[in-house]
C-alpha atoms as a PDB file:
ATOM      1  CA  MET A   1       4.019 -43.316 142.482  1.00  0.00           C
ATOM      2  CA  VAL A   2       3.875 -43.507 138.603  1.00  0.00           C
ATOM      3  CA  GLY A   3       5.825 -41.619 136.221  1.00  0.00           C
ATOM      4  CA  TYR A   4       4.121 -40.683 132.900  1.00  0.00           C
ATOM      5  CA  MET A   5       5.730 -40.220 129.252  1.00  0.00           C
ATOM      6  CA  GLU A   6       3.663 -39.860 125.989  1.00  0.00           C
ATOM      7  CA  ASN A   7       0.384 -39.767 128.205  1.00  0.00           C
ATOM      8  CA  GLN A   8       1.220 -43.524 128.831  1.00  0.00           C
ATOM      9  CA  MET A   9       2.578 -45.190 132.365  1.00  0.00           C
ATOM     10  CA  ALA A  10       6.485 -45.576 131.462  1.00  0.00           C
ATOM     11  CA  VAL A  11       7.739 -45.952 135.278  1.00  0.00           C
ATOM     12  CA  VAL A  12       6.407 -47.220 138.812  1.00  0.00           C
ATOM     13  CA  VAL A  13       7.629 -47.332 142.053  1.00  0.00           C
ATOM     14  CA  ARG A  14       6.323 -48.832 145.207  1.00  0.00           C
ATOM     15  CA  PHE A  15       7.035 -48.785 148.888  1.00  0.00           C
ATOM     16  CA  ARG A  16       5.003 -50.459 152.000  1.00  0.00           C
ATOM     17  CA  ALA A  17       4.883 -49.560 155.750  1.00  0.00           C
ATOM     18  CA  ILE A  18       6.070 -51.792 158.023  1.00  0.00           C
ATOM     19  CA  GLU A  19       6.072 -51.381 161.240  1.00  0.00           C
ATOM     20  CA  GLN A  20       8.196 -48.031 161.545  1.00  0.00           C
ATOM     21  CA  TYR A  21      10.408 -48.703 158.660  1.00  0.00           C
ATOM     22  CA  ARG A  22       9.653 -48.260 154.961  1.00  0.00           C
ATOM     23  CA  LEU A  23      10.862 -50.349 151.982  1.00  0.00           C
ATOM     24  CA  LEU A  24      10.769 -50.326 148.365  1.00  0.00           C
ATOM     25  CA  THR A  25       9.377 -53.053 147.321  1.00  0.00           C
ATOM     26  CA  GLY A  26       9.296 -52.568 143.422  1.00  0.00           C
ATOM     27  CA  MET A  27      10.215 -50.887 140.735  1.00  0.00           C
ATOM     28  CA  LEU A  28       9.682 -51.282 137.029  1.00  0.00           C
ATOM     29  CA  VAL A  29       9.883 -49.532 133.693  1.00  0.00           C
ATOM     30  CA  ILE A  30       7.567 -50.239 130.870  1.00  0.00           C
ATOM     31  CA  PRO A  31       9.531 -52.126 128.407  1.00  0.00           C
ATOM     32  CA  ASP A  32       8.836 -50.008 125.736  1.00  0.00           C
ATOM     33  CA  PHE A  33      10.424 -47.273 127.711  1.00  0.00           C
ATOM     34  CA  ARG A  34      13.684 -48.745 128.698  1.00  0.00           C
ATOM     35  CA  GLY A  35      16.846 -47.499 127.674  1.00  0.00           C
ATOM     36  CA  ARG A  36      15.937 -43.796 128.247  1.00  0.00           C
ATOM     37  CA  GLY A  37      17.001 -43.187 131.927  1.00  0.00           C
ATOM     38  CA  LEU A  38      13.568 -43.057 133.296  1.00  0.00           C
ATOM     39  CA  GLY A  39      14.511 -45.282 136.619  1.00  0.00           C
ATOM     40  CA  HIS A  40      17.431 -43.214 137.401  1.00  0.00           C
ATOM     41  CA  GLU A  41      15.247 -40.208 137.250  1.00  0.00           C
ATOM     42  CA  LEU A  42      12.695 -41.936 139.333  1.00  0.00           C
ATOM     43  CA  MET A  43      15.180 -42.617 141.835  1.00  0.00           C
ATOM     44  CA  CYS A  44      16.677 -38.860 141.753  1.00  0.00           C
ATOM     45  CA  TYR A  45      13.208 -37.407 142.780  1.00  0.00           C
ATOM     46  CA  CYS A  46      12.193 -40.336 145.293  1.00  0.00           C
ATOM     47  CA  SER A  47      16.047 -38.789 146.901  1.00  0.00           C
ATOM     48  CA  GLN A  48      15.104 -35.619 147.031  1.00  0.00           C
ATOM     49  CA  HIS A  49      10.947 -35.854 147.525  1.00  0.00           C
ATOM     50  CA  VAL A  50      10.420 -39.202 148.889  1.00  0.00           C
ATOM     51  CA  LEU A  51      13.665 -41.534 150.721  1.00  0.00           C
ATOM     52  CA  ALA A  52      14.580 -41.298 154.043  1.00  0.00           C
ATOM     53  CA  GLU A  53      17.411 -41.910 156.201  1.00  0.00           C
ATOM     54  CA  GLY A  54      17.027 -45.812 156.631  1.00  0.00           C
ATOM     55  CA  ASP A  55      14.697 -46.810 154.111  1.00  0.00           C
ATOM     56  CA  TYR A  56      15.179 -50.016 152.887  1.00  0.00           C
ATOM     57  CA  CYS A  57      15.039 -52.397 149.654  1.00  0.00           C
ATOM     58  CA  PHE A  58      15.611 -55.760 148.438  1.00  0.00           C
ATOM     59  CA  ALA A  59      17.523 -55.413 145.416  1.00  0.00           C
ATOM     60  CA  TYR A  60      17.539 -58.354 142.911  1.00  0.00           C
ATOM     61  CA  GLN A  61      21.476 -58.714 142.146  1.00  0.00           C
ATOM     62  CA  HIS A  62      21.835 -57.450 139.264  1.00  0.00           C
ATOM     63  CA  LEU A  63      20.567 -53.848 140.311  1.00  0.00           C
ATOM     64  CA  GLU A  64      22.566 -53.408 143.493  1.00  0.00           C
ATOM     65  CA  GLY A  65      24.643 -50.856 141.482  1.00  0.00           C
ATOM     66  CA  PHE A  66      21.635 -49.424 140.108  1.00  0.00           C
ATOM     67  CA  TYR A  67      20.326 -48.569 143.791  1.00  0.00           C
ATOM     68  CA  ALA A  68      23.919 -48.261 145.183  1.00  0.00           C
ATOM     69  CA  GLN A  69      23.904 -45.082 142.414  1.00  0.00           C
ATOM     70  CA  HIS A  70      20.838 -43.381 144.250  1.00  0.00           C
ATOM     71  CA  GLY A  71      22.183 -43.658 148.140  1.00  0.00           C
ATOM     72  CA  PHE A  72      21.213 -47.551 149.342  1.00  0.00           C
ATOM     73  CA  LYS A  73      23.926 -49.302 150.710  1.00  0.00           C
ATOM     74  CA  THR A  74      24.098 -53.409 151.186  1.00  0.00           C
ATOM     75  CA  VAL A  75      23.923 -54.589 154.775  1.00  0.00           C
ATOM     76  CA  ASP A  76      24.055 -57.779 156.074  1.00  0.00           C
ATOM     77  CA  CYS A  77      20.697 -59.527 156.776  1.00  0.00           C
ATOM     78  CA  GLN A  78      21.865 -60.154 160.212  1.00  0.00           C
ATOM     79  CA  GLU A  79      21.609 -56.038 160.402  1.00  0.00           C
ATOM     80  CA  LEU A  80      17.870 -56.133 159.016  1.00  0.00           C
ATOM     81  CA  PRO A  81      15.385 -54.972 161.752  1.00  0.00           C
ATOM     82  CA  ASN A  82      13.404 -58.154 162.915  1.00  0.00           C
ATOM     83  CA  SER A  83      10.108 -56.857 160.800  1.00  0.00           C
ATOM     84  CA  LEU A  84      12.317 -56.923 157.797  1.00  0.00           C
ATOM     85  CA  LYS A  85      14.392 -59.698 158.302  1.00  0.00           C
ATOM     86  CA  GLY A  86      11.386 -62.010 158.810  1.00  0.00           C
ATOM     87  CA  LEU A  87      10.095 -60.879 155.230  1.00  0.00           C
ATOM     88  CA  TYR A  88      13.995 -60.981 153.451  1.00  0.00           C
ATOM     89  CA  ASP A  89      14.042 -64.652 154.577  1.00  0.00           C
ATOM     90  CA  ARG A  90      11.027 -65.407 152.964  1.00  0.00           C
ATOM     91  CA  TYR A  91      11.241 -63.874 149.892  1.00  0.00           C
ATOM     92  CA  THR A  92      14.924 -65.575 149.440  1.00  0.00           C
ATOM     93  CA  ARG A  93      13.301 -69.059 149.531  1.00  0.00           C
ATOM     94  CA  THR A  94      12.119 -68.510 145.821  1.00  0.00           C
ATOM     95  CA  LYS A  95      14.670 -65.352 144.633  1.00  0.00           C
ATOM     96  CA  ALA A  96      18.057 -64.315 145.126  1.00  0.00           C
ATOM     97  CA  LEU A  97      17.919 -60.975 146.839  1.00  0.00           C
ATOM     98  CA  VAL A  98      20.389 -58.441 148.312  1.00  0.00           C
ATOM     99  CA  PRO A  99      19.082 -56.366 151.297  1.00  0.00           C
ATOM    100  CA  MET A 100      19.888 -52.422 151.296  1.00  0.00           C
ATOM    101  CA  LYS A 101      19.297 -49.466 153.150  1.00  0.00           C
ATOM    102  CA  TYR A 102      19.026 -45.742 152.072  1.00  0.00           C
ATOM    103  CA  LEU A 103      21.289 -43.492 153.778  1.00  0.00           C
ATOM    104  CA  VAL A 104      21.001 -39.710 152.615  1.00  0.00           C
ATOM    105  CA  SER A 105      25.001 -39.211 152.976  1.00  0.00           C
ATOM    106  CA  GLU A 106      25.213 -41.804 150.084  1.00  0.00           C
ATOM    107  CA  SER A 107      22.444 -40.223 148.110  1.00  0.00           C
ATOM    108  CA  SER A 108      23.905 -39.099 144.862  1.00  0.00           C
ATOM    109  CA  LEU A 109      21.514 -35.739 144.928  1.00  0.00           C
ATOM    110  CA  GLY A 110      23.064 -34.481 142.141  1.00  0.00           C
ATOM    111  CA  MET A 111      22.730 -36.251 139.317  1.00  0.00           C
END
């Protein structure tokens, strides 16, 4: 999913289906467009139109609060489904990530 501003790609988010689960695998606000709230706007859109109960993300530690604002709740890695746990274990060999699960009841749809 891509957002444009001034006829240029400004923000992008990617989801990957893994078995019956979906993982938010990456989000980027292009540096020239940072600080304008575009990441929050895109996540609000995703909360309303894309994300579903039980979607997951592996957030960088410094972005845990950002994703929490948009309905993701930190979970223990042992709570991950096996197909996602294997990925999480592999990814965390080289970087520190926080496993998070999307919960509609946690979502701030009014943002």
